[in-house]
C-alpha cells in the first residue's frame, strides 16, 4: 500500500532514478532525475549531459505532476516506497505512455570481454529497399566505448537520434534513448564477419559495416546533407515573407537584410534536432552579427492557428535565449507552397545560407548534435568557415550556390 502522505516530501524524491518508458509493448530504459528547491520539485530528462527540465509541477500525497512546456507533455506518477509508476502524456495528441522507475543503482560489472566496436559505421535497412535517385536509406552510426559501456548516435539526413546509452550484456549490445521524445531501443549482435546485426524497437532490421569496409561490402554512401536539398535557380535571390510573432511581415526585401549574410533556419518547436541546433545558431549570431550576419528562424508549427503556434515558439525562444527573429511560416504540410524555390526538401532542420547578394550559397539538411561526437565538431567548424567566407565577400562578388559547405 502507499505510504502515508506525511511520509512523502520533495526531499525524499530527490536523486537519480532508473526509469523505463513503455512504447509499443517495449520497455525502453532511460535516466531520470528529481530535484528539490524549497517547495519546488522539478524532473529532468537527459540528452547526454544536457538536462531537459520540467517547466512547472506539483507534489502532494505521493502524487507528482510535472509539465514540460517545450515538449508539450505531462508526467503524472504515484510513489510507492522507492518506486514510482504512472503515465507520460503528449498533450497535443492525448496519447500516453506508461512509465515506471526505481531508485538508481549502479550497473554490475560485466566480467566477460566486450567486443570493441568504437568508430564510424554505415548502417542500412535489410532487406534492402529499391534505390531511388535521392537514396537516403544508408545512415551513419557513431559508437564510443569504455569497457562494456557504449554510447553513440544514429545520424540520418534529417538529423540524429540523440544519445544512445547502454552496454554489452551477455554478448548482446543494448542501447536506448528517451529524453521526453523519440523512445528508441537499439539491440545488436556482432556477426562473425565483423558486421553488426541491428534491430530498432524490434521492428526494423539493419546491417552495419565499418565505414572503411562499407563500399567493398556493397553498402552505398549515406546522402550528403549539403547536396540533399537544392534550389530551382541559384542565380536569383531567395525570397521569403512571413509574419513575426508580433504579426508584422518580415521579408527578404527589408532594409535590415540588404547586403547581409543571412541564414534561414527552417525548423519547428516540436523538432528535437532543431532544439539541438538552436544553441549553435545563437553562438553564431553572437559571434558574427556585428560583422554582417543575420539569422531568421522559419518555424513550421503543427498548428496553423497563430494563437496556438505563437506560445510554442515563444517557449522555444525563452529556452534557448534566441536573439534573432522567429517567423510563423506555416505548418509542415505547407512548406512546398510557402518556400517554392526549394527542391527535394525533406529534413527538419534545414539551413539555407544566403550571400550578401541574397542568393543561395549552400543548403544543409539536418543537424548533427553533440551525440555524434566528432561529426558535431566537424559540422560546426565547416559552418563557421562558410559564414566567415561569405562575410568577406561583398554583394558584387558573391556567386551562386557552390553546392556544399
Protein backbone atom coordinates (compact mmCIF):
# COMPACT_ATOMS: atom_id res chain seq x y z
CA UNK A 1 0.00 0.00 0.00
CA UNK A 2 1.09 3.61 -0.44
CA UNK A 3 2.96 5.16 2.44
CA UNK A 4 1.00 7.79 4.36
CA UNK A 5 1.07 11.24 2.73
CA UNK A 6 3.06 12.62 5.67
CA UNK A 7 5.94 10.28 4.78
CA UNK A 8 6.43 11.96 1.43
CA UNK A 9 8.29 15.19 0.82
CA UNK A 10 10.14 16.69 -2.09
CA UNK A 11 13.44 15.83 -0.44
CA UNK A 12 12.61 12.10 -0.29
CA UNK A 13 12.12 12.14 -4.08
CA UNK A 14 15.38 13.91 -4.93
CA UNK A 15 18.05 11.99 -6.79
CA UNK A 16 18.59 9.76 -9.79
CA UNK A 17 16.08 7.15 -10.91
CA UNK A 18 16.33 4.18 -13.27
CA UNK A 19 13.23 4.65 -15.39
CA UNK A 20 11.52 2.82 -18.24
CA UNK A 21 9.02 4.11 -20.77
CA UNK A 22 6.67 1.52 -22.28
CA UNK A 23 6.21 2.11 -26.02
CA UNK A 24 4.73 -0.45 -28.42
CA UNK A 25 4.97 -3.06 -25.67
CA UNK A 26 8.72 -2.41 -25.34
CA UNK A 27 10.34 -1.27 -22.12
CA UNK A 28 12.92 1.38 -23.03
CA UNK A 29 15.25 2.35 -20.16
CA UNK A 30 16.43 5.90 -19.51
CA UNK A 31 17.87 8.03 -16.75
CA UNK A 32 15.69 10.48 -14.82
CA UNK A 33 16.42 12.93 -12.04
CA UNK A 34 14.20 14.66 -9.50
CA UNK A 35 15.48 17.80 -7.80
CA UNK A 36 14.17 19.95 -4.96
CA UNK A 37 14.43 23.69 -4.42
CA UNK A 38 12.44 24.55 -1.33
CA UNK A 39 8.87 23.50 -2.06
CA UNK A 40 9.54 23.27 -5.79
CA UNK A 41 10.04 19.88 -7.40
CA UNK A 42 11.49 19.53 -10.89
CA UNK A 43 12.06 16.47 -13.07
CA UNK A 44 14.85 16.15 -15.64
CA UNK A 45 15.34 14.02 -18.72
CA UNK A 46 18.89 13.70 -20.02
CA UNK A 47 20.25 14.25 -23.53
CA UNK A 48 23.79 13.18 -22.83
CA UNK A 49 24.92 15.57 -20.10
CA UNK A 50 22.30 18.17 -21.04
CA UNK A 51 19.25 18.27 -18.78
CA UNK A 52 15.71 18.87 -20.04
CA UNK A 53 13.76 20.14 -17.06
CA UNK A 54 10.08 20.45 -16.31
CA UNK A 55 8.60 23.95 -16.50
CA UNK A 56 6.14 23.54 -13.60
CA UNK A 57 4.72 20.88 -11.35
CA UNK A 58 3.08 19.89 -8.12
CA UNK A 59 3.55 17.18 -5.48
CA UNK A 60 1.03 16.10 -2.88
CA UNK A 61 0.29 12.89 -1.01
CA UNK A 62 2.68 10.78 -3.01
CA UNK A 63 1.37 12.09 -6.32
CA UNK A 64 3.69 14.04 -8.67
CA UNK A 65 2.63 16.01 -11.75
CA UNK A 66 5.25 17.65 -13.95
CA UNK A 67 4.60 19.83 -17.02
CA UNK A 68 7.12 20.19 -19.86
CA UNK A 69 6.13 23.25 -21.90
CA UNK A 70 8.81 22.86 -24.57
CA UNK A 71 7.78 19.23 -25.14
CA UNK A 72 4.03 19.83 -24.62
CA UNK A 73 3.90 16.83 -22.32
CA UNK A 74 2.78 15.94 -18.79
CA UNK A 75 4.27 13.34 -16.46
CA UNK A 76 1.92 12.08 -13.75
CA UNK A 77 3.13 9.39 -11.34
CA UNK A 78 2.45 7.95 -7.91
CA UNK A 79 5.18 6.87 -5.48
CA UNK A 80 5.30 3.59 -3.61
CA UNK A 81 8.35 3.26 -1.36
CA UNK A 82 11.40 3.64 -3.65
CA UNK A 83 9.46 3.25 -6.88
CA UNK A 84 7.04 5.29 -8.94
CA UNK A 85 4.66 4.49 -11.78
CA UNK A 86 2.20 6.41 -13.92
CA UNK A 87 1.84 7.97 -17.36
CA UNK A 88 3.67 10.32 -19.67
CA UNK A 89 1.14 12.16 -21.83
CA UNK A 90 1.64 14.00 -25.11
CA UNK A 91 -0.80 16.86 -24.64
CA UNK A 92 -1.35 17.72 -28.30
CA UNK A 93 -2.45 14.22 -29.32
CA UNK A 94 -3.66 12.99 -25.96
CA UNK A 95 -1.62 9.79 -26.33
CA UNK A 96 0.02 8.49 -23.19
CA UNK A 97 2.83 6.03 -22.43
CA UNK A 98 3.28 4.06 -19.24
CA UNK A 99 6.31 4.98 -17.16
CA UNK A 100 7.85 3.27 -14.14
CA UNK A 101 11.06 3.73 -12.17
CA UNK A 102 13.06 2.72 -9.14
CA UNK A 103 15.94 4.31 -7.31
CA UNK A 104 19.16 4.41 -9.30
CA UNK A 105 21.58 1.56 -8.69
CA UNK A 106 24.95 1.27 -10.48
CA UNK A 107 25.08 -1.46 -13.13
CA UNK A 108 27.02 -4.54 -12.10
CA UNK A 109 30.31 -5.04 -13.92
CA UNK A 110 30.26 -7.47 -16.84
CA UNK A 111 33.33 -9.64 -16.43
CA UNK A 112 33.12 -11.01 -19.99
CA UNK A 113 35.35 -9.32 -22.56
CA UNK A 114 33.28 -6.85 -24.57
CA UNK A 115 33.78 -6.70 -28.35
CA UNK A 116 35.46 -3.48 -29.46
CA UNK A 117 33.09 -1.55 -31.72
CA UNK A 118 34.15 2.09 -31.33
CA UNK A 119 34.22 4.09 -34.53
CA UNK A 120 32.14 5.10 -37.52
CA UNK A 121 29.79 2.70 -39.28
CA UNK A 122 27.31 2.76 -42.17
CA UNK A 123 24.01 1.05 -41.44
CA UNK A 124 21.38 0.05 -43.95
CA UNK A 125 17.90 -1.48 -43.74
CA UNK A 126 17.55 -5.18 -44.58
CA UNK A 127 16.05 -6.44 -46.72
CA UNK A 128 17.28 -3.58 -48.90
CA UNK A 129 14.57 -1.47 -50.48
CA UNK A 130 14.60 -0.26 -54.09
CA UNK A 131 17.14 2.52 -54.56
CA UNK A 132 15.90 5.92 -55.65
CA UNK A 133 17.62 8.95 -57.13
CA UNK A 134 17.68 10.52 -53.67
CA UNK A 135 18.61 7.34 -51.79
CA UNK A 136 18.58 8.09 -48.06
CA UNK A 137 18.46 4.50 -46.79
CA UNK A 138 22.06 4.43 -45.55
CA UNK A 139 22.62 6.08 -42.18
CA UNK A 140 25.73 6.98 -40.19
CA UNK A 141 26.30 5.17 -36.91
CA UNK A 142 28.80 6.57 -34.41
CA UNK A 143 29.82 4.47 -31.41
CA UNK A 144 32.10 5.20 -28.45
CA UNK A 145 33.19 2.59 -25.92
CA UNK A 146 34.63 2.33 -22.42
CA UNK A 147 34.86 -1.30 -21.38
CA UNK A 148 31.36 -2.74 -21.70
CA UNK A 149 29.78 0.75 -21.64
CA UNK A 150 28.73 2.16 -25.03
CA UNK A 151 27.35 5.49 -26.18
CA UNK A 152 26.65 6.79 -29.64
CA UNK A 153 24.09 8.00 -32.12
CA UNK A 154 22.48 7.26 -35.47
CA UNK A 155 22.70 10.16 -37.94
CA UNK A 156 20.13 10.29 -40.73
CA UNK A 157 19.90 13.01 -43.35
CA UNK A 158 17.30 14.81 -41.20
CA UNK A 159 19.36 14.67 -38.02
CA UNK A 160 20.30 12.21 -35.32
CA UNK A 161 18.64 10.07 -32.68
CA UNK A 162 20.24 11.82 -29.75
CA UNK A 163 22.44 9.95 -27.29
CA UNK A 164 22.09 6.17 -27.33
CA UNK A 165 23.35 4.84 -23.99
CA UNK A 166 23.87 1.26 -22.85
CA UNK A 167 26.24 -1.66 -22.64
CA UNK A 168 27.15 -5.15 -23.75
CA UNK A 169 25.02 -7.67 -21.87
CA UNK A 170 25.78 -11.38 -22.27
CA UNK A 171 27.08 -10.93 -25.80
CA UNK A 172 24.31 -8.57 -26.88
CA UNK A 173 24.57 -4.80 -27.23
CA UNK A 174 21.57 -2.95 -25.78
CA UNK A 175 21.33 0.84 -26.14
CA UNK A 176 18.37 3.13 -25.58
CA UNK A 177 17.28 6.73 -25.83
CA UNK A 178 14.45 8.71 -24.30
CA UNK A 179 14.69 12.40 -23.45
CA UNK A 180 10.98 13.18 -23.40
CA UNK A 181 10.65 12.39 -27.12
CA UNK A 182 11.54 9.61 -29.54
CA UNK A 183 11.80 6.44 -27.44
CA UNK A 184 14.28 4.13 -29.16
CA UNK A 185 15.59 0.67 -28.32
CA UNK A 186 18.77 -0.38 -30.16
CA UNK A 187 19.80 -4.03 -29.97
CA UNK A 188 22.75 -5.54 -31.83
CA UNK A 189 24.91 -8.63 -32.19
CA UNK A 190 28.39 -8.81 -33.67
CA UNK A 191 28.50 -11.12 -36.67
CA UNK A 192 31.45 -13.37 -37.50
CA UNK A 193 32.40 -11.13 -40.45
CA UNK A 194 32.67 -8.06 -38.20
CA UNK A 195 29.34 -6.51 -39.17
CA UNK A 196 26.61 -5.63 -36.69
CA UNK A 197 23.10 -7.06 -36.96
CA UNK A 198 20.86 -4.33 -35.54
CA UNK A 199 17.20 -4.21 -34.56
CA UNK A 200 15.48 -0.89 -33.77
CA UNK A 201 12.46 -1.17 -31.49
CA UNK A 202 12.39 -4.85 -32.51
CA UNK A 203 10.53 -3.88 -35.67
CA UNK A 204 13.19 -2.86 -38.22
CA UNK A 205 16.42 -4.71 -39.01
CA UNK A 206 19.71 -3.24 -40.25
CA UNK A 207 23.23 -4.32 -41.10
CA UNK A 208 26.09 -2.04 -40.02
CA UNK A 209 29.52 -2.10 -41.67
CA UNK A 210 32.57 -0.13 -40.66
CA UNK A 211 32.98 2.85 -42.99
CA UNK A 212 36.38 1.63 -44.14
CA UNK A 213 34.75 -1.59 -45.41
CA UNK A 214 31.29 -0.37 -46.48
CA UNK A 215 31.97 0.18 -50.19
CA UNK A 216 33.65 -3.22 -50.54
CA UNK A 217 30.61 -4.84 -48.96
CA UNK A 218 28.16 -3.09 -51.26
CA UNK A 219 26.78 -0.51 -48.82
CA UNK A 220 26.36 2.85 -50.60
CA UNK A 221 27.36 6.15 -49.03
CA UNK A 222 24.86 7.99 -46.84
CA UNK A 223 23.41 11.05 -48.58
CA UNK A 224 25.46 14.25 -48.47
CA UNK A 225 23.44 16.72 -46.36
CA UNK A 226 24.90 19.65 -48.34
CA UNK A 227 23.55 18.24 -51.62
CA UNK A 228 20.28 16.66 -50.48
CA UNK A 229 18.18 19.82 -50.89
CA UNK A 230 18.81 22.48 -53.53
CA UNK A 231 17.10 25.46 -55.17
CA UNK A 232 15.46 25.69 -58.57
CA UNK A 233 17.51 28.66 -59.75
CA UNK A 234 20.56 29.66 -57.66
CA UNK A 235 21.14 32.76 -59.81
CA UNK A 236 18.11 34.63 -58.41
CA UNK A 237 17.66 35.98 -54.87
CA UNK A 238 15.93 33.70 -52.40
CA UNK A 239 12.53 35.04 -51.36
CA UNK A 240 10.74 34.79 -48.03
CA UNK A 241 7.90 36.76 -46.49
CA UNK A 242 6.26 35.63 -43.24
CA UNK A 243 4.75 37.19 -40.12
CA UNK A 244 6.79 37.56 -36.97
CA UNK A 245 5.36 36.85 -33.54
CA UNK A 246 4.01 40.40 -33.45
CA UNK A 247 2.12 39.83 -36.71
CA UNK A 248 4.34 42.15 -38.79
CA UNK A 249 5.59 40.76 -42.08
CA UNK A 250 9.34 40.14 -42.37
CA UNK A 251 10.66 39.84 -45.91
CA UNK A 252 13.94 39.33 -47.76
CA UNK A 253 13.46 42.80 -49.24
CA UNK A 254 13.54 44.51 -45.83
CA UNK A 255 16.40 47.05 -45.46
CA UNK A 256 17.87 45.19 -42.45
CA UNK A 257 18.90 42.28 -44.72
CA UNK A 258 20.33 44.31 -47.60
CA UNK A 259 23.97 43.41 -48.14
CA UNK A 260 23.96 40.95 -45.24
CA UNK A 261 24.83 37.27 -45.00
CA UNK A 262 21.63 35.50 -43.95
CA UNK A 263 20.99 32.04 -42.52
CA UNK A 264 17.39 30.89 -42.89
CA UNK A 265 16.85 28.20 -40.26
CA UNK A 266 13.82 26.09 -41.22
CA UNK A 267 12.51 24.27 -38.18
CA UNK A 268 9.76 23.86 -35.62
CA UNK A 269 9.49 23.92 -31.84
CA UNK A 270 8.40 20.26 -31.97
CA UNK A 271 11.61 19.14 -33.72
CA UNK A 272 14.31 17.57 -31.45
CA UNK A 273 17.14 18.24 -33.91
CA UNK A 274 16.02 21.88 -34.21
CA UNK A 275 16.41 22.07 -30.45
CA UNK A 276 19.91 20.63 -30.82
CA UNK A 277 20.79 23.20 -33.49
CA UNK A 278 19.43 26.29 -31.72
CA UNK A 279 22.32 26.84 -29.24
CA UNK A 280 24.84 26.67 -32.09
CA UNK A 281 22.91 29.23 -34.15
CA UNK A 282 22.71 31.52 -31.12
CA UNK A 283 26.50 31.28 -30.73
CA UNK A 284 26.99 32.04 -34.44
CA UNK A 285 24.73 35.08 -34.21
CA UNK A 286 26.54 36.47 -31.17
CA UNK A 287 29.94 35.96 -32.79
CA UNK A 288 29.22 37.28 -36.29
CA UNK A 289 26.18 39.58 -36.13
CA UNK A 290 28.35 42.68 -35.75
CA UNK A 291 30.20 41.64 -38.93
CA UNK A 292 27.03 41.39 -41.01
CA UNK A 293 25.36 38.07 -40.20
CA UNK A 294 21.60 37.80 -39.82
CA UNK A 295 19.72 34.66 -38.80
CA UNK A 296 15.99 34.13 -39.25
CA UNK A 297 14.01 31.21 -37.89
CA UNK A 298 11.29 29.98 -40.25
CA UNK A 299 9.09 27.98 -37.91
CA UNK A 300 6.68 25.42 -39.33
CA UNK A 301 4.47 24.57 -36.38
CA UNK A 302 1.98 21.71 -36.02
CA UNK A 303 -0.96 24.12 -35.76
CA UNK A 304 -1.86 26.69 -38.39
CA UNK A 305 -3.65 28.86 -35.81
CA UNK A 306 -1.17 31.56 -34.67
CA UNK A 307 -2.87 31.61 -31.26
CA UNK A 308 -1.64 28.03 -30.74
CA UNK A 309 1.67 28.27 -32.62
CA UNK A 310 2.87 31.56 -31.12
CA UNK A 311 3.23 30.45 -27.46
CA UNK A 312 5.15 27.34 -28.52
CA UNK A 313 7.65 29.43 -30.47
CA UNK A 314 7.88 31.88 -27.57
CA UNK A 315 8.74 28.99 -25.24
CA UNK A 316 11.40 27.86 -27.74
CA UNK A 317 12.86 31.40 -27.80
CA UNK A 318 12.98 31.62 -23.99
CA UNK A 319 14.54 28.20 -23.56
CA UNK A 320 17.46 28.87 -25.91
CA UNK A 321 17.80 32.64 -25.47
CA UNK A 322 17.28 33.27 -29.17
CA UNK A 323 18.15 36.89 -30.11
CA UNK A 324 17.16 36.77 -33.81
CA UNK A 325 13.66 36.95 -35.35
CA UNK A 326 11.47 33.85 -35.48
CA UNK A 327 8.71 33.84 -38.09
CA UNK A 328 5.49 31.81 -38.26
CA UNK A 329 5.94 30.26 -41.70
CA UNK A 330 3.07 27.73 -41.64
CA UNK A 331 2.71 24.02 -40.94
CA UNK A 332 4.96 21.19 -42.22
CA UNK A 333 2.33 20.39 -44.86
CA UNK A 334 2.69 23.92 -46.28
CA UNK A 335 6.40 24.02 -46.97
CA UNK A 336 6.33 23.30 -50.72
CA UNK A 337 3.85 26.16 -51.19
CA UNK A 338 5.45 28.55 -48.71
CA UNK A 339 9.04 28.02 -49.95
CA UNK A 340 8.59 27.02 -53.61
CA UNK A 341 12.22 27.69 -54.58
CA UNK A 342 13.42 24.59 -52.70
CA UNK A 343 13.93 21.24 -54.45
CA UNK A 344 13.70 17.92 -52.53
CA UNK A 345 13.10 19.37 -49.08
CA UNK A 346 12.98 16.57 -46.54
CA UNK A 347 14.61 17.48 -43.23
CA UNK A 348 13.88 19.50 -40.13
CA UNK A 349 16.03 21.42 -39.55
CA UNK A 350 17.32 22.66 -42.90
CA UNK A 351 19.59 25.71 -43.07
CA UNK A 352 19.80 27.95 -46.13
CA UNK A 353 22.88 30.17 -46.42
CA UNK A 354 22.49 33.39 -48.42
CA UNK A 355 25.38 35.54 -49.61
CA UNK A 356 25.36 39.31 -49.37
CA UNK A 357 23.61 39.44 -52.75
CA UNK A 358 20.66 37.43 -51.40
CA UNK A 359 21.42 34.34 -53.48
CA UNK A 360 21.72 30.82 -52.07
CA UNK A 361 25.30 29.71 -51.49
CA UNK A 362 24.60 26.45 -49.65
CA UNK A 363 21.75 24.37 -48.21
CA UNK A 364 22.37 21.95 -45.35
CA UNK A 365 19.81 19.29 -44.39
CA UNK A 366 19.58 18.16 -40.78
CA UNK A 367 21.94 18.80 -37.89
CA UNK A 368 24.47 16.52 -36.21
CA UNK A 369 24.18 17.08 -32.46
CA UNK A 370 26.75 16.50 -29.70
CA UNK A 371 25.62 12.87 -29.64
CA UNK A 372 27.53 12.29 -32.91
CA UNK A 373 30.87 13.23 -31.32
CA UNK A 374 33.46 14.34 -33.86
CA UNK A 375 30.83 14.77 -36.57
CA UNK A 376 29.27 17.52 -34.45
CA UNK A 377 32.68 19.20 -34.10
CA UNK A 378 33.35 18.88 -37.83
CA UNK A 379 29.95 20.31 -38.83
CA UNK A 380 30.29 23.32 -36.54
CA UNK A 381 33.74 24.05 -37.96
CA UNK A 382 32.53 23.84 -41.56
CA UNK A 383 29.56 26.12 -40.92
CA UNK A 384 31.72 28.70 -39.15
CA UNK A 385 34.18 28.63 -42.05
CA UNK A 386 31.36 29.10 -44.55
CA UNK A 387 29.94 32.06 -42.63
CA UNK A 388 33.37 33.67 -42.37
CA UNK A 389 33.94 33.18 -46.11
CA UNK A 390 30.57 34.69 -47.02
CA UNK A 391 31.19 37.67 -44.75
CA UNK A 392 34.40 38.51 -46.61
CA UNK A 393 32.51 38.84 -49.90
CA UNK A 394 30.59 41.89 -50.99
CA UNK A 395 27.31 41.91 -52.88
CA UNK A 396 29.06 42.46 -56.20
CA UNK A 397 31.44 39.48 -55.89
CA UNK A 398 29.02 36.92 -54.41
CA UNK A 399 28.44 33.91 -56.59
CA UNK A 400 25.58 31.44 -56.97
CA UNK A 401 25.37 28.28 -54.86
CA UNK A 402 28.57 26.27 -54.84
CA UNK A 403 26.82 23.03 -53.85
CA UNK A 404 28.30 22.50 -50.40
CA UNK A 405 29.72 23.91 -47.21
